[in-house]
Amino acid sequence: MPTALKLAISLFVLLVAAGVYRFEQSLANETLAWVAAGLGIFMVIAIWIFPETSDEAPE
């Protein structure tokens, strides 16, 4: 996956996670707010750490 696409996806995921965090906090649901924030951070880390799958067989 191209780096520019990874950056765009990462930014989008972090913005959505921040929005959900703020929304849940406004409803006084702290636990779900932290779960949303943690899940967003985990997804961004996973995009950058885990390799892509490929159709080629390993040698």
C-alpha atoms as a PDB file:
ATOM      1  CA  MET A   1       0.000   0.000   0.000  1.00  0.00           C
ATOM      2  CA  PRO A   2       1.437   3.407  -0.892  1.00  0.00           C
ATOM      3  CA  THR A   3       2.576   5.573   2.004  1.00  0.00           C
ATOM      4  CA  ALA A   4       0.304   8.443   0.995  1.00  0.00           C
ATOM      5  CA  LEU A   5      -2.715   6.130   1.180  1.00  0.00           C
ATOM      6  CA  LYS A   6      -1.631   4.802   4.584  1.00  0.00           C
ATOM      7  CA  LEU A   7      -1.294   8.367   5.849  1.00  0.00           C
ATOM      8  CA  ALA A   8      -4.745   9.301   4.552  1.00  0.00           C
ATOM      9  CA  ILE A   9      -6.353   6.219   6.107  1.00  0.00           C
ATOM     10  CA  SER A  10      -4.513   6.809   9.388  1.00  0.00           C
ATOM     11  CA  LEU A  11      -5.674  10.415   9.543  1.00  0.00           C
ATOM     12  CA  PHE A  12      -9.264   9.434   8.739  1.00  0.00           C
ATOM     13  CA  VAL A  13      -9.297   6.687  11.395  1.00  0.00           C
ATOM     14  CA  LEU A  14      -7.844   9.016  14.032  1.00  0.00           C
ATOM     15  CA  LEU A  15     -10.374  11.740  13.210  1.00  0.00           C
ATOM     16  CA  VAL A  16     -13.290   9.306  13.450  1.00  0.00           C
ATOM     17  CA  ALA A  17     -11.943   7.840  16.708  1.00  0.00           C
ATOM     18  CA  ALA A  18     -11.530  11.348  18.146  1.00  0.00           C
ATOM     19  CA  GLY A  19     -15.077  12.217  17.105  1.00  0.00           C
ATOM     20  CA  VAL A  20     -16.510   9.095  18.701  1.00  0.00           C
ATOM     21  CA  TYR A  21     -14.438   9.767  21.826  1.00  0.00           C
ATOM     22  CA  ARG A  22     -15.832  13.309  22.119  1.00  0.00           C
ATOM     23  CA  PHE A  23     -19.384  12.144  21.404  1.00  0.00           C
ATOM     24  CA  GLU A  24     -19.294   9.381  24.001  1.00  0.00           C
ATOM     25  CA  GLN A  25     -17.690  11.698  26.536  1.00  0.00           C
ATOM     26  CA  SER A  26     -20.499  14.205  26.013  1.00  0.00           C
ATOM     27  CA  LEU A  27     -22.939  11.424  26.892  1.00  0.00           C
ATOM     28  CA  ALA A  28     -20.921  10.687  30.069  1.00  0.00           C
ATOM     29  CA  ASN A  29     -19.928   7.254  28.811  1.00  0.00           C
ATOM     30  CA  GLU A  30     -16.235   7.305  29.742  1.00  0.00           C
ATOM     31  CA  THR A  31     -15.581   3.602  29.267  1.00  0.00           C
ATOM     32  CA  LEU A  32     -16.856   3.468  25.707  1.00  0.00           C
ATOM     33  CA  ALA A  33     -15.022   6.717  24.921  1.00  0.00           C
ATOM     34  CA  TRP A  34     -11.705   5.164  25.962  1.00  0.00           C
ATOM     35  CA  VAL A  35     -12.496   1.955  24.070  1.00  0.00           C
ATOM     36  CA  ALA A  36     -13.113   3.964  20.895  1.00  0.00           C
ATOM     37  CA  ALA A  37      -9.885   5.933  21.343  1.00  0.00           C
ATOM     38  CA  GLY A  38      -7.866   2.780  22.026  1.00  0.00           C
ATOM     39  CA  LEU A  39      -9.374   0.953  19.071  1.00  0.00           C
ATOM     40  CA  GLY A  40      -8.572   3.860  16.761  1.00  0.00           C
ATOM     41  CA  ILE A  41      -4.957   3.957  17.920  1.00  0.00           C
ATOM     42  CA  PHE A  42      -4.673   0.178  17.592  1.00  0.00           C
ATOM     43  CA  MET A  43      -6.021   0.259  14.025  1.00  0.00           C
ATOM     44  CA  VAL A  44      -3.501   2.908  12.974  1.00  0.00           C
ATOM     45  CA  ILE A  45      -0.626   0.949  14.512  1.00  0.00           C
ATOM     46  CA  ALA A  46      -1.862  -2.232  12.821  1.00  0.00           C
ATOM     47  CA  ILE A  47      -1.921  -0.540   9.406  1.00  0.00           C
ATOM     48  CA  TRP A  48       1.744   0.395   9.748  1.00  0.00           C
ATOM     49  CA  ILE A  49       3.093  -2.747  11.450  1.00  0.00           C
ATOM     50  CA  PHE A  50       1.422  -5.706   9.771  1.00  0.00           C
ATOM     51  CA  PRO A  51       2.520  -6.481   6.205  1.00  0.00           C
ATOM     52  CA  GLU A  52       0.173  -6.670   3.270  1.00  0.00           C
ATOM     53  CA  THR A  53      -0.860 -10.013   1.890  1.00  0.00           C
ATOM     54  CA  SER A  54       0.338 -10.878  -1.571  1.00  0.00           C
ATOM     55  CA  ASP A  55      -0.664 -13.375  -4.217  1.00  0.00           C
ATOM     56  CA  GLU A  56       2.907 -14.540  -4.720  1.00  0.00           C
ATOM     57  CA  ALA A  57       4.018 -17.781  -3.130  1.00  0.00           C
ATOM     58  CA  PRO A  58       7.037 -17.555  -0.810  1.00  0.00           C
ATOM     59  CA  GLU A  59      10.234 -19.024  -2.192  1.00  0.00           C
END
